[in-house]
Amino acid sequence: MKQVDFDGQSETFPLIFVSGVNRQASLSVYPNPTKRFININTALPILQASLIDPSGRVTRKFNLSEFSKAIDISEVESGSYLLFLEFESHNELVRIVKN
């Protein structure tokens, strides 16, 4: 996958594939893009959430126990990230843009 920034610089990253994704679960992640907080609403309990940078490195891990959460990513550098959400029955990946 090739990412091109607003300034024209580009970088190529390997694709990340997640099997067993279940799109039937109701999931809402907002605002996106964001400067500080990511709100996550779902009908299922989230076991853990991880923020992954474009190189595939986990930059932050969040332990969640409720159905609706706000995650503070204000200390993370601006850029594109993947939010990896672990549920009991499946996993979800959501692209997040931090301004």
N, C-alpha and C. Protein backbone atom coordinates (compact mmCIF):
# COMPACT_ATOMS: atom_id res chain seq x y z
N MET A 1 0.85 -1.15 0.00
CA MET A 1 0.00 0.00 0.00
C MET A 1 0.91 1.23 0.00
N LYS A 2 0.58 2.20 -0.82
CA LYS A 2 1.36 3.42 -0.91
C LYS A 2 0.56 4.56 -0.30
N GLN A 3 1.18 5.29 0.63
CA GLN A 3 0.55 6.44 1.26
C GLN A 3 1.23 7.69 0.76
N VAL A 4 0.44 8.64 0.24
CA VAL A 4 0.97 9.90 -0.25
C VAL A 4 0.45 11.01 0.66
N ASP A 5 1.36 11.77 1.27
CA ASP A 5 1.00 12.85 2.16
C ASP A 5 0.63 14.10 1.37
N PHE A 6 0.06 15.09 2.07
CA PHE A 6 -0.35 16.33 1.43
C PHE A 6 0.83 17.07 0.79
N ASP A 7 2.03 16.88 1.34
CA ASP A 7 3.21 17.56 0.80
C ASP A 7 3.83 16.81 -0.37
N GLY A 8 3.20 15.69 -0.82
CA GLY A 8 3.69 14.95 -1.97
C GLY A 8 4.64 13.83 -1.65
N GLN A 9 5.13 13.76 -0.40
CA GLN A 9 6.02 12.67 -0.02
C GLN A 9 5.21 11.39 0.11
N SER A 10 5.83 10.27 -0.28
CA SER A 10 5.11 9.00 -0.21
C SER A 10 5.96 7.94 0.46
N GLU A 11 5.27 6.92 0.96
CA GLU A 11 5.92 5.80 1.61
C GLU A 11 5.08 4.56 1.32
N THR A 12 5.73 3.42 1.13
CA THR A 12 5.04 2.18 0.83
C THR A 12 5.08 1.27 2.05
N PHE A 13 3.92 0.68 2.38
CA PHE A 13 3.78 -0.20 3.53
C PHE A 13 3.16 -1.51 3.08
N PRO A 14 3.50 -2.61 3.78
CA PRO A 14 2.85 -3.88 3.45
C PRO A 14 1.39 -3.85 3.87
N LEU A 15 0.54 -4.57 3.15
CA LEU A 15 -0.87 -4.65 3.51
C LEU A 15 -1.04 -5.51 4.75
N ILE A 16 -1.98 -5.13 5.59
CA ILE A 16 -2.31 -5.90 6.78
C ILE A 16 -3.65 -6.56 6.54
N PHE A 17 -3.73 -7.86 6.72
CA PHE A 17 -4.96 -8.61 6.49
C PHE A 17 -5.44 -9.18 7.81
N VAL A 18 -6.71 -8.98 8.10
CA VAL A 18 -7.30 -9.52 9.32
C VAL A 18 -8.41 -10.46 8.90
N SER A 19 -8.29 -11.72 9.28
CA SER A 19 -9.33 -12.68 8.93
C SER A 19 -10.38 -12.74 10.02
N GLY A 20 -11.54 -13.21 9.66
CA GLY A 20 -12.61 -13.38 10.64
C GLY A 20 -13.30 -12.10 11.01
N VAL A 21 -13.25 -11.09 10.16
CA VAL A 21 -13.91 -9.83 10.46
C VAL A 21 -15.41 -10.00 10.30
N ASN A 22 -16.17 -9.54 11.27
CA ASN A 22 -17.62 -9.66 11.26
C ASN A 22 -18.22 -8.26 11.17
N ARG A 23 -18.71 -7.91 10.02
CA ARG A 23 -19.28 -6.58 9.81
C ARG A 23 -20.73 -6.48 10.29
N GLN A 24 -21.29 -7.56 10.84
CA GLN A 24 -22.68 -7.54 11.27
C GLN A 24 -22.84 -6.80 12.60
N ALA A 25 -21.81 -6.76 13.39
CA ALA A 25 -21.90 -6.07 14.68
C ALA A 25 -22.02 -4.57 14.44
N SER A 26 -22.87 -3.93 15.20
CA SER A 26 -23.05 -2.49 15.09
C SER A 26 -21.85 -1.79 15.72
N LEU A 27 -21.14 -1.00 14.92
CA LEU A 27 -19.94 -0.33 15.39
C LEU A 27 -19.91 1.09 14.84
N SER A 28 -19.63 2.03 15.71
CA SER A 28 -19.52 3.43 15.32
C SER A 28 -18.26 4.01 15.94
N VAL A 29 -17.40 4.62 15.11
CA VAL A 29 -16.16 5.23 15.57
C VAL A 29 -16.14 6.66 15.04
N TYR A 30 -16.08 7.66 15.92
CA TYR A 30 -16.16 9.06 15.51
C TYR A 30 -15.51 9.95 16.56
N PRO A 31 -15.16 11.20 16.28
CA PRO A 31 -15.07 11.79 14.94
C PRO A 31 -13.84 11.26 14.21
N ASN A 32 -13.89 11.34 12.94
CA ASN A 32 -12.77 10.86 12.12
C ASN A 32 -12.73 11.70 10.85
N PRO A 33 -11.74 12.58 10.72
CA PRO A 33 -10.53 12.74 11.53
C PRO A 33 -10.81 13.38 12.89
N THR A 34 -9.81 13.27 13.77
CA THR A 34 -9.93 13.79 15.12
C THR A 34 -8.62 14.44 15.56
N LYS A 35 -8.70 15.30 16.56
CA LYS A 35 -7.50 15.91 17.13
C LYS A 35 -7.17 15.31 18.50
N ARG A 36 -8.22 14.81 19.19
CA ARG A 36 -7.97 14.35 20.55
C ARG A 36 -8.66 13.03 20.90
N PHE A 37 -9.97 13.00 20.86
CA PHE A 37 -10.70 11.81 21.30
C PHE A 37 -11.30 11.04 20.15
N ILE A 38 -11.35 9.71 20.32
CA ILE A 38 -12.07 8.80 19.43
C ILE A 38 -13.18 8.19 20.28
N ASN A 39 -14.41 8.34 19.86
CA ASN A 39 -15.53 7.71 20.54
C ASN A 39 -15.86 6.40 19.85
N ILE A 40 -16.03 5.34 20.63
CA ILE A 40 -16.34 4.02 20.10
C ILE A 40 -17.66 3.56 20.71
N ASN A 41 -18.64 3.30 19.86
CA ASN A 41 -19.92 2.76 20.31
C ASN A 41 -20.15 1.43 19.62
N THR A 42 -20.51 0.44 20.41
CA THR A 42 -20.77 -0.89 19.87
C THR A 42 -21.75 -1.62 20.77
N ALA A 43 -22.45 -2.58 20.19
CA ALA A 43 -23.40 -3.38 20.96
C ALA A 43 -22.69 -4.52 21.70
N LEU A 44 -21.43 -4.75 21.39
CA LEU A 44 -20.67 -5.84 21.99
C LEU A 44 -19.55 -5.28 22.87
N PRO A 45 -19.18 -5.99 23.94
CA PRO A 45 -18.05 -5.53 24.75
C PRO A 45 -16.72 -5.68 24.00
N ILE A 46 -15.89 -4.67 24.13
CA ILE A 46 -14.57 -4.66 23.49
C ILE A 46 -13.55 -5.18 24.51
N LEU A 47 -12.80 -6.20 24.13
CA LEU A 47 -11.79 -6.75 25.03
C LEU A 47 -10.57 -5.86 25.11
N GLN A 48 -10.13 -5.37 23.94
CA GLN A 48 -8.96 -4.49 23.90
C GLN A 48 -8.98 -3.71 22.59
N ALA A 49 -8.43 -2.51 22.63
CA ALA A 49 -8.26 -1.69 21.44
C ALA A 49 -6.79 -1.34 21.31
N SER A 50 -6.28 -1.39 20.08
CA SER A 50 -4.87 -1.05 19.82
C SER A 50 -4.81 -0.05 18.68
N LEU A 51 -3.91 0.91 18.79
CA LEU A 51 -3.68 1.88 17.74
C LEU A 51 -2.39 1.47 17.02
N ILE A 52 -2.49 1.26 15.71
CA ILE A 52 -1.37 0.76 14.90
C ILE A 52 -0.94 1.82 13.91
N ASP A 53 0.36 2.12 13.86
CA ASP A 53 0.86 3.12 12.92
C ASP A 53 1.03 2.49 11.53
N PRO A 54 1.32 3.30 10.49
CA PRO A 54 1.42 2.77 9.12
C PRO A 54 2.48 1.68 8.93
N SER A 55 3.47 1.62 9.80
CA SER A 55 4.49 0.58 9.66
C SER A 55 4.08 -0.73 10.32
N GLY A 56 2.90 -0.75 10.97
CA GLY A 56 2.41 -1.96 11.63
C GLY A 56 2.76 -2.05 13.09
N ARG A 57 3.39 -1.01 13.64
CA ARG A 57 3.80 -1.00 15.05
C ARG A 57 2.62 -0.54 15.92
N VAL A 58 2.38 -1.25 17.00
CA VAL A 58 1.34 -0.87 17.96
C VAL A 58 1.86 0.31 18.77
N THR A 59 1.21 1.46 18.64
CA THR A 59 1.66 2.66 19.35
C THR A 59 0.99 2.81 20.72
N ARG A 60 -0.23 2.33 20.85
CA ARG A 60 -0.97 2.41 22.11
C ARG A 60 -1.91 1.21 22.23
N LYS A 61 -2.12 0.76 23.47
CA LYS A 61 -3.12 -0.27 23.76
C LYS A 61 -4.07 0.29 24.81
N PHE A 62 -5.34 -0.01 24.65
CA PHE A 62 -6.38 0.46 25.56
C PHE A 62 -7.20 -0.74 26.01
N ASN A 63 -7.37 -0.91 27.32
CA ASN A 63 -8.25 -1.95 27.84
C ASN A 63 -9.62 -1.33 28.07
N LEU A 64 -10.61 -1.88 27.42
CA LEU A 64 -11.97 -1.35 27.49
C LEU A 64 -12.89 -2.38 28.11
N SER A 65 -13.84 -1.92 28.91
CA SER A 65 -14.76 -2.87 29.54
C SER A 65 -16.23 -2.49 29.34
N GLU A 66 -16.49 -1.29 28.84
CA GLU A 66 -17.87 -0.86 28.64
C GLU A 66 -18.21 -0.88 27.16
N PHE A 67 -19.48 -0.68 26.84
CA PHE A 67 -19.95 -0.73 25.46
C PHE A 67 -19.67 0.56 24.70
N SER A 68 -19.50 1.66 25.38
CA SER A 68 -19.23 2.95 24.74
C SER A 68 -18.02 3.58 25.41
N LYS A 69 -17.00 3.93 24.64
CA LYS A 69 -15.76 4.45 25.20
C LYS A 69 -15.25 5.64 24.42
N ALA A 70 -14.48 6.48 25.09
CA ALA A 70 -13.74 7.56 24.45
C ALA A 70 -12.26 7.30 24.72
N ILE A 71 -11.47 7.30 23.66
CA ILE A 71 -10.04 7.06 23.76
C ILE A 71 -9.32 8.37 23.46
N ASP A 72 -8.40 8.76 24.33
CA ASP A 72 -7.62 9.99 24.14
C ASP A 72 -6.36 9.66 23.35
N ILE A 73 -6.24 10.23 22.14
CA ILE A 73 -5.04 10.03 21.32
C ILE A 73 -4.32 11.36 21.09
N SER A 74 -4.50 12.31 22.01
CA SER A 74 -3.91 13.63 21.84
C SER A 74 -2.38 13.59 21.82
N GLU A 75 -1.76 12.60 22.46
CA GLU A 75 -0.30 12.51 22.51
C GLU A 75 0.30 11.79 21.31
N VAL A 76 -0.55 11.28 20.41
CA VAL A 76 -0.08 10.57 19.22
C VAL A 76 0.19 11.60 18.12
N GLU A 77 1.24 11.38 17.34
CA GLU A 77 1.57 12.29 16.24
C GLU A 77 0.48 12.28 15.19
N SER A 78 0.34 13.37 14.45
CA SER A 78 -0.63 13.44 13.36
C SER A 78 -0.31 12.41 12.29
N GLY A 79 -1.35 11.86 11.68
CA GLY A 79 -1.16 10.87 10.62
C GLY A 79 -2.29 9.87 10.58
N SER A 80 -2.14 8.86 9.74
CA SER A 80 -3.13 7.79 9.59
C SER A 80 -2.75 6.62 10.48
N TYR A 81 -3.76 6.04 11.11
CA TYR A 81 -3.57 4.90 12.00
C TYR A 81 -4.68 3.88 11.75
N LEU A 82 -4.46 2.67 12.21
CA LEU A 82 -5.49 1.66 12.23
C LEU A 82 -5.88 1.42 13.68
N LEU A 83 -7.17 1.42 13.95
CA LEU A 83 -7.68 1.10 15.27
C LEU A 83 -8.13 -0.36 15.22
N PHE A 84 -7.44 -1.22 15.94
CA PHE A 84 -7.73 -2.65 15.96
C PHE A 84 -8.55 -2.95 17.20
N LEU A 85 -9.79 -3.38 17.00
CA LEU A 85 -10.69 -3.67 18.11
C LEU A 85 -10.88 -5.18 18.24
N GLU A 86 -10.62 -5.69 19.44
CA GLU A 86 -10.75 -7.13 19.70
C GLU A 86 -12.04 -7.39 20.46
N PHE A 87 -12.90 -8.23 19.87
CA PHE A 87 -14.13 -8.67 20.49
C PHE A 87 -13.99 -10.15 20.83
N GLU A 88 -14.92 -10.70 21.60
CA GLU A 88 -14.88 -12.12 21.93
C GLU A 88 -14.96 -12.99 20.67
N SER A 89 -15.83 -12.62 19.74
CA SER A 89 -16.10 -13.47 18.58
C SER A 89 -15.37 -13.07 17.31
N HIS A 90 -14.82 -11.87 17.25
CA HIS A 90 -14.19 -11.40 16.03
C HIS A 90 -13.36 -10.15 16.32
N ASN A 91 -12.72 -9.63 15.28
CA ASN A 91 -11.92 -8.40 15.37
C ASN A 91 -12.42 -7.42 14.32
N GLU A 92 -12.20 -6.14 14.56
CA GLU A 92 -12.54 -5.08 13.61
C GLU A 92 -11.33 -4.16 13.44
N LEU A 93 -11.14 -3.67 12.23
CA LEU A 93 -10.09 -2.71 11.92
C LEU A 93 -10.74 -1.46 11.35
N VAL A 94 -10.41 -0.29 11.92
CA VAL A 94 -10.98 0.98 11.46
C VAL A 94 -9.82 1.94 11.20
N ARG A 95 -9.83 2.58 10.05
CA ARG A 95 -8.79 3.58 9.74
C ARG A 95 -9.15 4.89 10.45
N ILE A 96 -8.16 5.45 11.16
CA ILE A 96 -8.33 6.69 11.93
C ILE A 96 -7.32 7.71 11.42
N VAL A 97 -7.75 8.96 11.27
CA VAL A 97 -6.85 10.04 10.90
C VAL A 97 -6.74 10.99 12.07
N LYS A 98 -5.52 11.20 12.55
CA LYS A 98 -5.24 12.13 13.66
C LYS A 98 -4.70 13.43 13.08
N ASN A 99 -5.40 14.54 13.33
CA ASN A 99 -4.97 15.87 12.86
C ASN A 99 -3.98 16.48 13.81
